Each structure stands twice: as C-alpha cells, then as structure tokens.
C-alpha cells in the first residue's frame, strides 16, 4: 500500500512538474517569437510642463513592491529594452517611455533638447505614470543614465522620497567633448574638432536628410555598427538599433549631441550614495568608454561596477543575460531594502 501511494505521489509530482515546465517552455517560446521591439504594454501619455507629450507604456505586476522606470539612450526609443522587458516582466511594475523627440514622443523646441530638460521629463513620468507611494528603481542607458543624474540633481526631494535603486548602463557624468569615438592616432585626435562641425552641417540640412529615410538608414548603418557595438554583434541587433537611430529627427539628434558636449553631472552623483546603485559598461564601448563608468563608480559610495569584456555600447542587446542578471540582483537588493532587511 505504501509503495503504491509513493508511486502515485511520484506520478502526480511528475505530471505537475511536466505541466509547469510545459507552460514555462510555451511562455519562453512565445517571448522568443516576438520580433525585436514588438512588446507592448498599457499605453499612456505623460504631458510635460512645456507641453511635450511623452509616449509611455506600462507593464503591470501583481502586488508590486516597486516600479522600474527605464530611460533609453540617444536616438533610441523605449523598445530598445526588448530583452530586459522579457526578463523583468512580473517582477515589478515596468514603465517604459520615449524621451522627447524620440520614438512616439513629441519633440518641443530645439533649445529644449538638453539633459536638464530630460531630468524634468523623468520627474513628470514618475509623478504621472507611477502610483503614489510606490518606490522606484531607475534604469538608464547612455543618455538615459544622464537623465537620471539630471533628475537627481534638479529634483533632490523627489529623488530622495521615491527612488530606492539606480542602474547606470553605458553612460557618462561628463567630459564627453574630447571623445575620440575609439578612433586611433591622428584621426582620433581630430574627432573632437571635426565631429561638432559635421553635426552642425547636418542641422542646416535636417529637413532634406529626414525626407529620405531609406537613404538616411543606409548611410547610418556603418556608423551604427562601429560606434554602437563590439565585435561579433548580431546583424539583427545592428539593424534594429540603426532603424531607431534613422527614425530620430536630425534636429533632435544634433540638439542633444550639442548638449552632451557641455554635460556635467558629477556633483549630482552624490544623491545616489543613499540608494542601491549598479554601474555597467562594455569594455569596447566607443561612445561612453569604461573610464566614464569608473569615474561614476568612484563618485558613488557602494556602487557596484561591472565591465563586460568585448561588449560595445548597446550592452542590453549584446549581453542581455549579463545585464538582466545584474538588474535582477539589483532588484533583489532593493526588495530587501524595501522590506527593511538590507543584510539578507
């Protein structure tokens, strides 16, 4: 009798495990079949104090302990978080939004294409798209990381009262005016002088450039491959990123580039010392090389710095497993802090 009960128990357990594994497999397969950038959540619109309409979509979680707000980089849009969206679904309320002038968000004036303005926009996203009282984890890539720094510096009370964790991926607190973009020797030394001139000339021809999206995309492709990725990048990822870059209005691209040259948020990093902070960068990042992340990590007590060997600027696409694991670990630390047990 005991043997039969044991056998029945093992059969029931096996069937339950098989069912659970089957459901998990089907979910993974469904996710895998979703084209890059194909995920959608509940749509929302955040209106800034200067009238810009920011496109937002939200993935709800059941009884969330906190919300994760993800700010994308220069000439990207909210869909660049494709793999992070898949990995973090259900762990927290996820808020994705397009920065002004990017994706489906309106642009506003050229003079408003500044990192400071992005910090104010993030304050509006938190206020309008995150339920009151829910702690927030901010995740920013490249310009999105700068956005978080600007938010911390310009809205210190909101940062202190709402933010429990920060992830700064492939970003910089300043000193970008001398960037060589990884170019060697004399060419690299010329880059800081030549690049602003090229961008200014593009601004004068912005309307003509944007009238030919296919030509713009083809012209951008080798630049995207060089500056955004490390060796061995997947062709699909390069084209995905290039498509987002080509879809960004030239005026917006140039406007923010100009502001990067004077961007300096080193002092704002002091606020991050009070929250769980992750800093991550690829060793082959040509836009915001590891020296920038090391400077950030030195300025934030307790910040965890990870350098991904061989990865370029788009680490969320190039190294999704490593980035997702680091974000998951960050959320674990935030959850312990929210629960009041930081030592666990």
Protein backbone atom coordinates (compact mmCIF):
# COMPACT_ATOMS: atom_id res chain seq x y z
CA UNK A 1 0.00 0.00 0.00
CA UNK A 2 2.79 2.41 0.99
CA UNK A 3 4.65 1.65 -2.23
CA UNK A 4 1.50 2.32 -4.30
CA UNK A 5 0.95 5.65 -2.51
CA UNK A 6 4.58 6.58 -3.13
CA UNK A 7 4.25 5.67 -6.80
CA UNK A 8 1.02 7.67 -7.14
CA UNK A 9 2.67 10.63 -5.39
CA UNK A 10 5.65 10.44 -7.72
CA UNK A 11 3.30 10.28 -10.73
CA UNK A 12 1.31 13.32 -9.55
CA UNK A 13 4.51 15.23 -8.86
CA UNK A 14 5.89 14.30 -12.24
CA UNK A 15 2.72 15.38 -14.00
CA UNK A 16 2.70 18.69 -12.12
CA UNK A 17 6.34 19.33 -12.96
CA UNK A 18 5.73 18.39 -16.56
CA UNK A 19 2.78 20.75 -16.78
CA UNK A 20 4.76 23.59 -15.17
CA UNK A 21 7.72 23.01 -17.44
CA UNK A 22 5.43 22.90 -20.45
CA UNK A 23 3.81 26.20 -19.51
CA UNK A 24 7.23 27.80 -18.91
CA UNK A 25 8.51 26.48 -22.23
CA UNK A 26 5.47 27.79 -24.11
CA UNK A 27 5.90 31.19 -22.46
CA UNK A 28 9.58 31.29 -23.42
CA UNK A 29 8.72 30.27 -26.97
CA UNK A 30 6.02 32.93 -27.18
CA UNK A 31 8.52 35.53 -25.99
CA UNK A 32 11.15 34.28 -28.45
CA UNK A 33 8.69 34.61 -31.31
CA UNK A 34 8.09 38.29 -30.55
CA UNK A 35 10.03 40.40 -33.01
CA UNK A 36 12.56 42.86 -31.65
CA UNK A 37 10.65 45.85 -30.37
CA UNK A 38 7.33 44.04 -30.64
CA UNK A 39 6.27 44.05 -26.99
CA UNK A 40 3.51 46.41 -25.90
CA UNK A 41 2.00 47.28 -22.54
CA UNK A 42 -0.78 49.57 -21.39
CA UNK A 43 -0.35 52.83 -23.34
CA UNK A 44 -0.27 56.14 -21.51
CA UNK A 45 0.75 59.71 -22.20
CA UNK A 46 2.73 61.99 -19.88
CA UNK A 47 2.48 65.71 -20.57
CA UNK A 48 5.46 67.82 -19.51
CA UNK A 49 5.28 71.39 -18.23
CA UNK A 50 6.35 72.71 -21.64
CA UNK A 51 3.63 70.77 -23.45
CA UNK A 52 5.66 67.84 -24.81
CA UNK A 53 3.69 64.59 -24.94
CA UNK A 54 5.75 61.59 -23.90
CA UNK A 55 4.67 58.15 -25.13
CA UNK A 56 4.63 55.65 -22.26
CA UNK A 57 3.69 52.04 -21.90
CA UNK A 58 3.30 50.19 -18.64
CA UNK A 59 3.51 46.50 -17.79
CA UNK A 60 1.65 45.92 -14.55
CA UNK A 61 2.71 43.39 -11.93
CA UNK A 62 0.54 41.73 -9.31
CA UNK A 63 1.09 43.37 -5.88
CA UNK A 64 4.35 45.12 -6.90
CA UNK A 65 6.81 46.24 -4.22
CA UNK A 66 8.22 48.88 -6.55
CA UNK A 67 8.18 50.22 -10.09
CA UNK A 68 11.07 50.12 -12.56
CA UNK A 69 11.27 53.13 -14.87
CA UNK A 70 13.57 52.65 -17.87
CA UNK A 71 15.08 55.63 -19.72
CA UNK A 72 16.61 54.87 -23.12
CA UNK A 73 19.62 56.40 -24.80
CA UNK A 74 20.30 58.93 -27.53
CA UNK A 75 18.49 58.22 -30.85
CA UNK A 76 16.87 55.09 -29.39
CA UNK A 77 13.32 54.54 -28.12
CA UNK A 78 11.54 52.56 -25.43
CA UNK A 79 11.69 49.35 -27.48
CA UNK A 80 15.48 49.08 -27.12
CA UNK A 81 14.76 47.40 -23.74
CA UNK A 82 13.36 44.33 -25.53
CA UNK A 83 15.31 41.67 -23.62
CA UNK A 84 15.15 43.49 -20.30
CA UNK A 85 11.40 43.75 -20.70
CA UNK A 86 11.16 40.00 -21.14
CA UNK A 87 13.44 39.23 -18.20
CA UNK A 88 11.82 41.63 -15.71
CA UNK A 89 8.16 41.07 -16.58
CA UNK A 90 6.19 40.27 -13.43
CA UNK A 91 8.94 41.28 -11.02
CA UNK A 92 7.73 44.87 -10.72
CA UNK A 93 5.55 47.40 -12.48
CA UNK A 94 7.60 48.31 -15.56
CA UNK A 95 7.38 51.80 -17.06
CA UNK A 96 8.91 52.38 -20.50
CA UNK A 97 8.82 55.77 -22.18
CA UNK A 98 10.19 57.55 -25.22
CA UNK A 99 12.41 60.53 -24.44
CA UNK A 100 11.31 63.81 -26.01
CA UNK A 101 11.81 63.84 -29.77
CA UNK A 102 12.38 60.09 -29.86
CA UNK A 103 10.04 57.27 -30.85
CA UNK A 104 6.41 58.31 -30.47
CA UNK A 105 7.04 61.32 -28.22
CA UNK A 106 6.78 64.89 -29.48
CA UNK A 107 9.95 66.98 -29.56
CA UNK A 108 9.32 70.50 -28.35
CA UNK A 109 11.75 73.29 -29.19
CA UNK A 110 15.31 72.65 -30.36
CA UNK A 111 16.56 74.61 -27.35
CA UNK A 112 14.81 72.11 -25.06
CA UNK A 113 16.99 69.24 -26.30
CA UNK A 114 19.04 69.23 -23.10
CA UNK A 115 19.91 66.71 -20.42
CA UNK A 116 18.46 69.03 -17.78
CA UNK A 117 15.15 69.06 -19.62
CA UNK A 118 15.23 65.25 -19.72
CA UNK A 119 15.65 65.21 -15.95
CA UNK A 120 12.49 67.30 -15.63
CA UNK A 121 10.70 64.94 -18.03
CA UNK A 122 11.66 61.96 -15.86
CA UNK A 123 10.20 63.75 -12.84
CA UNK A 124 6.94 64.10 -14.80
CA UNK A 125 6.96 60.41 -15.77
CA UNK A 126 7.39 59.34 -12.14
CA UNK A 127 4.70 61.74 -10.97
CA UNK A 128 2.14 60.85 -13.64
CA UNK A 129 2.84 57.20 -14.52
CA UNK A 130 3.95 55.61 -11.22
CA UNK A 131 1.36 55.09 -8.46
CA UNK A 132 1.92 57.37 -5.49
CA UNK A 133 3.86 55.76 -2.67
CA UNK A 134 5.39 53.01 -4.81
CA UNK A 135 9.21 53.05 -4.57
CA UNK A 136 11.04 53.46 -7.87
CA UNK A 137 14.09 51.84 -9.43
CA UNK A 138 15.55 53.92 -12.26
CA UNK A 139 17.37 52.21 -15.12
CA UNK A 140 19.11 54.42 -17.67
CA UNK A 141 21.21 53.59 -20.70
CA UNK A 142 23.59 56.21 -22.16
CA UNK A 143 21.54 59.43 -22.38
CA UNK A 144 19.04 57.71 -20.10
CA UNK A 145 21.72 57.49 -17.41
CA UNK A 146 22.42 61.19 -17.85
CA UNK A 147 18.68 61.75 -17.49
CA UNK A 148 18.73 60.04 -14.08
CA UNK A 149 21.67 62.20 -12.97
CA UNK A 150 19.82 65.35 -14.04
CA UNK A 151 16.69 64.22 -12.20
CA UNK A 152 18.72 63.59 -9.03
CA UNK A 153 20.40 67.00 -9.28
CA UNK A 154 17.34 69.05 -10.21
CA UNK A 155 14.69 67.25 -8.13
CA UNK A 156 16.51 66.16 -4.96
CA UNK A 157 13.38 65.94 -2.80
CA UNK A 158 11.56 63.73 -5.32
CA UNK A 159 14.66 61.57 -5.76
CA UNK A 160 15.09 61.12 -2.00
CA UNK A 161 11.43 60.30 -1.40
CA UNK A 162 10.76 57.99 -4.36
CA UNK A 163 13.96 56.31 -5.57
CA UNK A 164 15.26 53.09 -3.99
CA UNK A 165 17.70 51.95 -6.68
CA UNK A 166 19.54 53.10 -9.80
CA UNK A 167 21.22 51.32 -12.72
CA UNK A 168 23.53 53.38 -14.92
CA UNK A 169 24.39 51.49 -18.11
CA UNK A 170 26.95 52.69 -20.65
CA UNK A 171 26.74 56.32 -19.62
CA UNK A 172 28.78 59.34 -18.56
CA UNK A 173 28.68 62.10 -15.97
CA UNK A 174 30.57 64.48 -18.28
CA UNK A 175 33.83 65.19 -20.15
CA UNK A 176 32.44 63.99 -23.47
CA UNK A 177 33.69 66.95 -25.51
CA UNK A 178 37.06 65.26 -26.07
CA UNK A 179 35.66 61.94 -27.29
CA UNK A 180 37.69 60.18 -29.97
CA UNK A 181 34.96 57.55 -30.57
CA UNK A 182 37.67 54.92 -30.36
CA UNK A 183 39.42 56.19 -33.48
CA UNK A 184 43.19 55.73 -33.41
CA UNK A 185 46.08 58.18 -33.74
CA UNK A 186 45.73 61.47 -35.65
CA UNK A 187 42.18 60.64 -36.74
CA UNK A 188 41.15 60.20 -33.13
CA UNK A 189 42.77 63.49 -32.15
CA UNK A 190 40.87 65.25 -34.92
CA UNK A 191 37.50 63.74 -33.98
CA UNK A 192 36.63 66.19 -31.15
CA UNK A 193 37.11 69.13 -33.54
CA UNK A 194 35.58 67.66 -36.68
CA UNK A 195 32.51 65.93 -35.23
CA UNK A 196 30.72 69.10 -33.99
CA UNK A 197 31.26 70.71 -37.41
CA UNK A 198 29.73 67.69 -39.15
CA UNK A 199 26.72 67.76 -36.83
CA UNK A 200 26.19 71.49 -37.32
CA UNK A 201 26.20 70.99 -41.09
CA UNK A 202 23.66 68.19 -40.69
CA UNK A 203 21.42 70.57 -38.76
CA UNK A 204 21.36 73.01 -41.67
CA UNK A 205 20.21 70.16 -43.94
CA UNK A 206 17.94 68.43 -41.42
CA UNK A 207 14.74 68.68 -43.45
CA UNK A 208 16.37 67.24 -46.58
CA UNK A 209 18.04 64.44 -44.62
CA UNK A 210 14.78 63.41 -42.95
CA UNK A 211 12.89 63.42 -46.26
CA UNK A 212 14.89 60.37 -47.38
CA UNK A 213 14.59 57.84 -44.53
CA UNK A 214 15.85 54.90 -46.61
CA UNK A 215 18.97 56.81 -47.66
CA UNK A 216 19.46 58.01 -44.09
CA UNK A 217 19.23 54.45 -42.82
CA UNK A 218 21.77 53.13 -45.35
CA UNK A 219 24.16 56.00 -44.61
CA UNK A 220 23.86 55.48 -40.86
CA UNK A 221 24.36 51.71 -40.90
CA UNK A 222 28.19 51.51 -40.91
CA UNK A 223 28.35 54.28 -38.30
CA UNK A 224 25.87 52.42 -36.09
CA UNK A 225 27.83 49.19 -36.45
CA UNK A 226 31.08 50.92 -35.48
CA UNK A 227 30.03 53.17 -32.61
CA UNK A 228 27.24 51.12 -31.01
CA UNK A 229 28.53 47.55 -30.98
CA UNK A 230 31.51 45.43 -30.13
CA UNK A 231 32.91 42.67 -32.37
CA UNK A 232 30.63 39.80 -33.27
CA UNK A 233 27.38 41.73 -32.86
CA UNK A 234 24.25 40.10 -34.29
CA UNK A 235 23.22 41.55 -37.62
CA UNK A 236 19.58 41.76 -36.49
CA UNK A 237 20.59 43.84 -33.46
CA UNK A 238 22.63 46.24 -35.58
CA UNK A 239 19.73 46.78 -37.98
CA UNK A 240 17.27 47.16 -35.08
CA UNK A 241 19.38 49.90 -33.49
CA UNK A 242 20.06 51.54 -36.83
CA UNK A 243 16.34 51.68 -37.55
CA UNK A 244 15.69 53.53 -34.30
CA UNK A 245 18.56 55.92 -34.94
CA UNK A 246 17.44 56.65 -38.51
CA UNK A 247 13.88 57.32 -37.30
CA UNK A 248 15.05 60.01 -34.88
CA UNK A 249 14.71 63.52 -36.35
CA UNK A 250 18.07 65.02 -37.29
CA UNK A 251 17.29 68.21 -35.37
CA UNK A 252 16.71 66.20 -32.18
CA UNK A 253 19.86 64.15 -32.70
CA UNK A 254 22.02 67.25 -33.20
CA UNK A 255 20.34 69.21 -30.41
CA UNK A 256 21.15 66.58 -27.79
CA UNK A 257 24.65 65.99 -29.19
CA UNK A 258 25.43 69.68 -28.66
CA UNK A 259 24.30 69.41 -25.04
CA UNK A 260 26.42 66.32 -24.41
CA UNK A 261 29.50 68.45 -25.10
CA UNK A 262 28.74 70.58 -22.01
CA UNK A 263 27.06 67.86 -19.94
CA UNK A 264 28.47 67.75 -16.38
CA UNK A 265 26.55 65.93 -13.67
CA UNK A 266 29.39 64.71 -11.46
CA UNK A 267 28.06 66.67 -8.46
CA UNK A 268 24.59 65.15 -8.89
CA UNK A 269 26.01 61.68 -8.27
CA UNK A 270 26.24 62.39 -4.54
CA UNK A 271 22.50 61.69 -4.22
CA UNK A 272 23.00 58.13 -5.49
CA UNK A 273 25.02 57.20 -2.41
CA UNK A 274 21.77 56.73 -0.49
CA UNK A 275 20.31 54.09 -2.85
CA UNK A 276 21.35 50.76 -4.32
CA UNK A 277 23.41 51.61 -7.41
CA UNK A 278 24.65 49.49 -10.31
CA UNK A 279 27.14 50.77 -12.91
CA UNK A 280 27.78 48.67 -16.01
CA UNK A 281 29.64 49.21 -19.29
CA UNK A 282 31.17 47.26 -22.17
CA UNK A 283 34.95 47.16 -22.45
CA UNK A 284 34.69 48.09 -26.17
CA UNK A 285 32.23 50.97 -25.71
CA UNK A 286 33.28 53.72 -28.14
CA UNK A 287 30.64 56.28 -27.16
CA UNK A 288 30.98 56.20 -23.36
CA UNK A 289 34.16 54.20 -22.69
CA UNK A 290 34.77 52.46 -19.34
CA UNK A 291 36.70 55.44 -17.97
CA UNK A 292 33.35 57.23 -17.64
CA UNK A 293 31.74 54.40 -15.69
CA UNK A 294 34.78 54.12 -13.43
CA UNK A 295 34.51 57.83 -12.65
CA UNK A 296 30.84 57.36 -11.78
CA UNK A 297 31.53 54.33 -9.57
CA UNK A 298 34.26 56.21 -7.69
CA UNK A 299 31.81 59.02 -7.02
CA UNK A 300 29.02 56.82 -5.63
CA UNK A 301 29.91 55.03 -2.37
CA UNK A 302 28.88 51.39 -2.52
CA UNK A 303 28.19 51.38 -6.25
CA UNK A 304 28.77 48.03 -7.96
CA UNK A 305 30.79 48.37 -11.20
CA UNK A 306 30.77 45.67 -13.89
CA UNK A 307 32.76 45.86 -17.14
CA UNK A 308 31.59 43.39 -19.78
CA UNK A 309 34.56 42.10 -21.85
CA UNK A 310 34.26 42.69 -25.58
CA UNK A 311 30.87 44.41 -25.43
CA UNK A 312 30.17 47.74 -27.10
CA UNK A 313 27.72 50.47 -26.22
CA UNK A 314 24.44 48.55 -26.64
CA UNK A 315 25.02 46.09 -23.81
CA UNK A 316 21.32 45.41 -23.28
CA UNK A 317 21.23 43.81 -26.73
CA UNK A 318 24.78 42.46 -26.95
CA UNK A 319 24.91 40.91 -23.47
CA UNK A 320 21.29 40.53 -22.35
CA UNK A 321 21.96 37.64 -19.99
CA UNK A 322 24.63 39.57 -18.05
CA UNK A 323 22.63 42.79 -17.99
CA UNK A 324 19.43 41.02 -16.98
CA UNK A 325 21.17 39.15 -14.18
CA UNK A 326 22.73 42.36 -12.87
CA UNK A 327 19.35 44.10 -12.94
CA UNK A 328 17.72 41.14 -11.22
CA UNK A 329 20.36 41.24 -8.48
CA UNK A 330 19.79 44.98 -8.11
CA UNK A 331 16.05 44.40 -7.71
CA UNK A 332 16.78 41.74 -5.07
CA UNK A 333 18.84 44.25 -3.10
CA UNK A 334 16.15 46.89 -3.48
CA UNK A 335 13.47 44.42 -2.35
CA UNK A 336 15.45 43.64 0.80
CA UNK A 337 15.83 47.34 1.47
CA UNK A 338 12.13 47.98 0.90
CA UNK A 339 11.34 45.09 3.26
CA UNK A 340 13.68 46.58 5.85
CA UNK A 341 16.17 43.70 5.75
CA UNK A 342 19.21 45.03 3.84
CA UNK A 343 21.52 42.43 5.38
CA UNK A 344 19.70 39.41 3.93
